Amino acid sequence: MSETKEVMSVLKQIGNDPYKRKIVREVERYPEQLSLHLHNTTDATPEEFQEWREKDYFSKGDFDPLLMFVVIPTIIQVSAFFFMLAVFAFNDTIF
């Protein structure tokens, strides 16, 4: 029993100062992350749901998916490719 008390007293002693005096400090714990409140949602009323369906851009469907998801990214990719070739040509003439 006395060994346990000695071990606990040694664990509570952290470091010594230049004059060899023992400094006793309590060991502090790391701060813990606060709990996340992610499940505090409420169901939408039928009126809110209908309003969302009428006002949301993607839910409404007033766009051309081919243009938005195929043509525009293709134009960006082709222009990036030709810009890369232009940089190669520029570096070839300079260096």
N, C-alpha and C. Protein backbone atom coordinates (compact mmCIF):
# COMPACT_ATOMS: atom_id res chain seq x y z
N MET A 1 0.82 -1.20 0.00
CA MET A 1 0.00 0.00 0.00
C MET A 1 0.86 1.26 0.00
N SER A 2 1.95 1.21 0.76
CA SER A 2 2.82 2.38 0.81
C SER A 2 3.55 2.58 -0.51
N GLU A 3 3.83 1.46 -1.22
CA GLU A 3 4.47 1.58 -2.53
C GLU A 3 3.56 2.31 -3.50
N THR A 4 2.28 2.02 -3.44
CA THR A 4 1.32 2.69 -4.32
C THR A 4 1.29 4.18 -4.04
N LYS A 5 1.33 4.55 -2.77
CA LYS A 5 1.33 5.97 -2.43
C LYS A 5 2.61 6.64 -2.91
N GLU A 6 3.74 5.91 -2.80
CA GLU A 6 5.00 6.47 -3.28
C GLU A 6 4.97 6.65 -4.80
N VAL A 7 4.44 5.66 -5.49
CA VAL A 7 4.35 5.76 -6.95
C VAL A 7 3.45 6.92 -7.34
N MET A 8 2.32 7.06 -6.66
CA MET A 8 1.41 8.17 -6.98
C MET A 8 2.06 9.51 -6.68
N SER A 9 2.83 9.59 -5.59
CA SER A 9 3.48 10.86 -5.28
C SER A 9 4.56 11.17 -6.31
N VAL A 10 5.25 10.12 -6.80
CA VAL A 10 6.27 10.34 -7.84
C VAL A 10 5.61 10.78 -9.13
N LEU A 11 4.46 10.19 -9.46
CA LEU A 11 3.76 10.58 -10.68
C LEU A 11 3.27 12.02 -10.62
N LYS A 12 2.94 12.49 -9.42
CA LYS A 12 2.47 13.87 -9.29
C LYS A 12 3.61 14.87 -9.33
N GLN A 13 4.83 14.39 -9.07
CA GLN A 13 5.98 15.30 -9.11
C GLN A 13 6.48 15.40 -10.53
N ILE A 14 6.50 16.60 -11.05
CA ILE A 14 6.94 16.80 -12.42
C ILE A 14 8.12 17.76 -12.39
N GLY A 15 9.29 17.22 -12.68
CA GLY A 15 10.47 18.06 -12.82
C GLY A 15 11.01 18.61 -11.51
N ASN A 16 12.18 19.20 -11.57
CA ASN A 16 12.82 19.87 -10.44
C ASN A 16 13.29 21.23 -10.93
N ASP A 17 13.40 22.18 -10.02
CA ASP A 17 13.92 23.49 -10.40
C ASP A 17 15.44 23.48 -10.24
N PRO A 18 16.17 24.54 -10.63
CA PRO A 18 17.64 24.53 -10.56
C PRO A 18 18.19 24.34 -9.15
N TYR A 19 17.40 24.64 -8.13
CA TYR A 19 17.88 24.48 -6.76
C TYR A 19 17.50 23.14 -6.17
N LYS A 20 17.07 22.19 -7.02
CA LYS A 20 16.72 20.83 -6.64
C LYS A 20 15.53 20.75 -5.69
N ARG A 21 14.67 21.76 -5.72
CA ARG A 21 13.44 21.67 -4.94
C ARG A 21 12.42 20.91 -5.76
N LYS A 22 11.64 20.11 -5.13
CA LYS A 22 10.63 19.36 -5.83
C LYS A 22 9.44 20.26 -6.14
N ILE A 23 8.96 20.16 -7.35
CA ILE A 23 7.80 20.94 -7.77
C ILE A 23 6.66 19.95 -7.96
N VAL A 24 5.59 20.16 -7.25
CA VAL A 24 4.45 19.26 -7.33
C VAL A 24 3.34 19.98 -8.08
N ARG A 25 2.92 19.41 -9.19
CA ARG A 25 1.83 19.97 -9.99
C ARG A 25 0.86 18.85 -10.32
N GLU A 26 -0.35 19.19 -10.45
CA GLU A 26 -1.34 18.22 -10.90
C GLU A 26 -1.19 18.02 -12.40
N VAL A 27 -1.34 16.81 -12.84
CA VAL A 27 -1.25 16.50 -14.26
C VAL A 27 -2.56 16.91 -14.92
N GLU A 28 -2.46 17.75 -15.96
CA GLU A 28 -3.66 18.23 -16.64
C GLU A 28 -3.99 17.31 -17.80
N ARG A 29 -5.27 17.16 -18.03
CA ARG A 29 -5.73 16.34 -19.15
C ARG A 29 -5.81 17.19 -20.40
N TYR A 30 -5.73 16.53 -21.54
CA TYR A 30 -5.93 17.23 -22.79
C TYR A 30 -7.40 17.64 -22.88
N PRO A 31 -7.68 18.78 -23.49
CA PRO A 31 -9.09 19.16 -23.64
C PRO A 31 -9.79 18.20 -24.60
N GLU A 32 -11.02 17.89 -24.29
CA GLU A 32 -11.78 16.97 -25.12
C GLU A 32 -12.66 17.74 -26.09
N GLN A 33 -12.92 17.11 -27.22
CA GLN A 33 -13.77 17.74 -28.22
C GLN A 33 -15.21 17.77 -27.72
N LEU A 34 -15.87 18.87 -27.97
CA LEU A 34 -17.26 18.99 -27.58
C LEU A 34 -18.12 18.08 -28.45
N SER A 35 -19.23 17.69 -27.93
CA SER A 35 -20.11 16.80 -28.71
C SER A 35 -20.76 17.60 -29.83
N LEU A 36 -20.95 16.93 -30.95
CA LEU A 36 -21.56 17.57 -32.11
C LEU A 36 -23.06 17.34 -32.09
N HIS A 37 -23.81 18.38 -32.35
CA HIS A 37 -25.26 18.27 -32.36
C HIS A 37 -25.74 18.21 -33.82
N LEU A 38 -25.59 17.03 -34.42
CA LEU A 38 -25.91 16.89 -35.83
C LEU A 38 -27.32 16.38 -36.07
N HIS A 39 -27.93 15.82 -35.07
CA HIS A 39 -29.24 15.21 -35.26
C HIS A 39 -30.36 16.06 -34.67
N ASN A 40 -30.24 17.37 -34.78
CA ASN A 40 -31.27 18.28 -34.27
C ASN A 40 -32.09 18.85 -35.42
N THR A 41 -32.41 18.03 -36.38
CA THR A 41 -33.16 18.51 -37.54
C THR A 41 -34.65 18.30 -37.33
N THR A 42 -35.42 19.08 -38.06
CA THR A 42 -36.87 18.92 -38.02
C THR A 42 -37.35 18.65 -39.45
N ASP A 43 -38.43 17.93 -39.55
CA ASP A 43 -38.99 17.64 -40.87
C ASP A 43 -39.64 18.88 -41.45
N ALA A 44 -39.55 19.01 -42.76
CA ALA A 44 -40.15 20.16 -43.44
C ALA A 44 -41.66 19.96 -43.56
N THR A 45 -42.35 21.06 -43.51
CA THR A 45 -43.79 20.99 -43.73
C THR A 45 -44.05 20.80 -45.22
N PRO A 46 -45.22 20.35 -45.61
CA PRO A 46 -45.50 20.21 -47.04
C PRO A 46 -45.37 21.53 -47.80
N GLU A 47 -45.70 22.64 -47.16
CA GLU A 47 -45.56 23.95 -47.83
C GLU A 47 -44.08 24.28 -48.05
N GLU A 48 -43.23 24.02 -47.05
CA GLU A 48 -41.80 24.28 -47.21
C GLU A 48 -41.20 23.38 -48.28
N PHE A 49 -41.64 22.13 -48.33
CA PHE A 49 -41.14 21.21 -49.35
C PHE A 49 -41.53 21.68 -50.75
N GLN A 50 -42.77 22.10 -50.92
CA GLN A 50 -43.23 22.57 -52.23
C GLN A 50 -42.49 23.83 -52.64
N GLU A 51 -42.25 24.73 -51.69
CA GLU A 51 -41.50 25.96 -51.98
C GLU A 51 -40.08 25.62 -52.41
N TRP A 52 -39.46 24.66 -51.75
CA TRP A 52 -38.11 24.25 -52.11
C TRP A 52 -38.09 23.64 -53.51
N ARG A 53 -39.07 22.81 -53.84
CA ARG A 53 -39.13 22.20 -55.17
C ARG A 53 -39.32 23.24 -56.27
N GLU A 54 -40.00 24.34 -55.97
CA GLU A 54 -40.24 25.37 -56.98
C GLU A 54 -39.07 26.33 -57.12
N LYS A 55 -38.30 26.55 -56.06
CA LYS A 55 -37.25 27.58 -56.09
C LYS A 55 -35.85 27.01 -56.30
N ASP A 56 -35.58 25.76 -55.95
CA ASP A 56 -34.24 25.20 -56.07
C ASP A 56 -33.89 24.99 -57.54
N TYR A 57 -32.68 25.42 -57.93
CA TYR A 57 -32.27 25.39 -59.33
C TYR A 57 -32.21 23.96 -59.86
N PHE A 58 -31.54 23.06 -59.16
CA PHE A 58 -31.39 21.69 -59.65
C PHE A 58 -32.67 20.89 -59.48
N SER A 59 -33.43 21.16 -58.44
CA SER A 59 -34.67 20.43 -58.22
C SER A 59 -35.73 20.81 -59.25
N LYS A 60 -35.69 22.08 -59.65
CA LYS A 60 -36.67 22.57 -60.63
C LYS A 60 -36.41 21.97 -62.00
N GLY A 61 -35.15 21.78 -62.37
CA GLY A 61 -34.80 21.17 -63.65
C GLY A 61 -34.86 22.12 -64.83
N ASP A 62 -34.74 23.43 -64.60
CA ASP A 62 -34.76 24.41 -65.70
C ASP A 62 -33.35 24.63 -66.25
N PHE A 63 -32.65 23.57 -66.59
CA PHE A 63 -31.33 23.71 -67.18
C PHE A 63 -31.09 22.52 -68.11
N ASP A 64 -30.10 22.68 -68.99
CA ASP A 64 -29.76 21.61 -69.91
C ASP A 64 -28.58 20.84 -69.32
N PRO A 65 -28.78 19.62 -68.84
CA PRO A 65 -27.67 18.90 -68.22
C PRO A 65 -26.54 18.59 -69.19
N LEU A 66 -26.84 18.39 -70.47
CA LEU A 66 -25.78 18.12 -71.44
C LEU A 66 -24.85 19.32 -71.54
N LEU A 67 -25.41 20.50 -71.58
CA LEU A 67 -24.60 21.71 -71.68
C LEU A 67 -23.78 21.90 -70.40
N MET A 68 -24.44 21.75 -69.27
CA MET A 68 -23.77 22.05 -68.01
C MET A 68 -22.71 21.02 -67.62
N PHE A 69 -22.97 19.75 -67.85
CA PHE A 69 -22.08 18.71 -67.36
C PHE A 69 -21.20 18.08 -68.43
N VAL A 70 -21.40 18.41 -69.71
CA VAL A 70 -20.58 17.83 -70.77
C VAL A 70 -19.89 18.90 -71.60
N VAL A 71 -20.66 19.82 -72.16
CA VAL A 71 -20.10 20.79 -73.11
C VAL A 71 -19.17 21.78 -72.42
N ILE A 72 -19.60 22.38 -71.35
CA ILE A 72 -18.77 23.39 -70.67
C ILE A 72 -17.48 22.77 -70.12
N PRO A 73 -17.51 21.61 -69.43
CA PRO A 73 -16.23 21.01 -69.01
C PRO A 73 -15.33 20.60 -70.17
N THR A 74 -15.92 20.18 -71.31
CA THR A 74 -15.11 19.83 -72.47
C THR A 74 -14.41 21.05 -73.02
N ILE A 75 -15.11 22.16 -73.10
CA ILE A 75 -14.48 23.41 -73.58
C ILE A 75 -13.34 23.82 -72.66
N ILE A 76 -13.54 23.70 -71.36
CA ILE A 76 -12.49 24.06 -70.41
C ILE A 76 -11.28 23.14 -70.58
N GLN A 77 -11.53 21.84 -70.75
CA GLN A 77 -10.43 20.89 -70.88
C GLN A 77 -9.66 21.09 -72.19
N VAL A 78 -10.36 21.33 -73.29
CA VAL A 78 -9.69 21.54 -74.58
C VAL A 78 -8.90 22.84 -74.56
N SER A 79 -9.47 23.89 -73.96
CA SER A 79 -8.72 25.15 -73.89
C SER A 79 -7.49 25.01 -73.00
N ALA A 80 -7.57 24.23 -71.91
CA ALA A 80 -6.40 24.00 -71.07
C ALA A 80 -5.33 23.22 -71.83
N PHE A 81 -5.75 22.25 -72.66
CA PHE A 81 -4.79 21.49 -73.46
C PHE A 81 -4.06 22.39 -74.45
N PHE A 82 -4.80 23.25 -75.15
CA PHE A 82 -4.15 24.14 -76.11
C PHE A 82 -3.30 25.20 -75.43
N PHE A 83 -3.69 25.63 -74.24
CA PHE A 83 -2.86 26.56 -73.48
C PHE A 83 -1.55 25.87 -73.08
N MET A 84 -1.62 24.58 -72.72
CA MET A 84 -0.42 23.83 -72.39
C MET A 84 0.50 23.72 -73.60
N LEU A 85 -0.07 23.44 -74.79
CA LEU A 85 0.74 23.38 -76.01
C LEU A 85 1.37 24.74 -76.32
N ALA A 86 0.64 25.82 -76.09
CA ALA A 86 1.19 27.15 -76.32
C ALA A 86 2.35 27.44 -75.38
N VAL A 87 2.26 27.00 -74.14
CA VAL A 87 3.35 27.18 -73.19
C VAL A 87 4.56 26.35 -73.62
N PHE A 88 4.32 25.13 -74.11
CA PHE A 88 5.44 24.32 -74.63
C PHE A 88 6.14 25.04 -75.77
N ALA A 89 5.37 25.58 -76.71
CA ALA A 89 5.95 26.29 -77.86
C ALA A 89 6.70 27.53 -77.40
N PHE A 90 6.13 28.26 -76.46
CA PHE A 90 6.77 29.46 -75.94
C PHE A 90 8.09 29.11 -75.25
N ASN A 91 8.09 28.05 -74.44
CA ASN A 91 9.33 27.64 -73.77
C ASN A 91 10.36 27.13 -74.77
N ASP A 92 9.90 26.50 -75.84
CA ASP A 92 10.83 25.99 -76.85
C ASP A 92 11.54 27.14 -77.56
N THR A 93 10.83 28.22 -77.82
CA THR A 93 11.46 29.35 -78.51
C THR A 93 12.35 30.16 -77.58
N ILE A 94 12.00 30.27 -76.33
CA ILE A 94 12.78 31.07 -75.38
C ILE A 94 13.99 30.30 -74.86
N PHE A 95 13.81 29.09 -74.44
CA PHE A 95 14.89 28.32 -73.81
C PHE A 95 15.43 27.38 -74.82
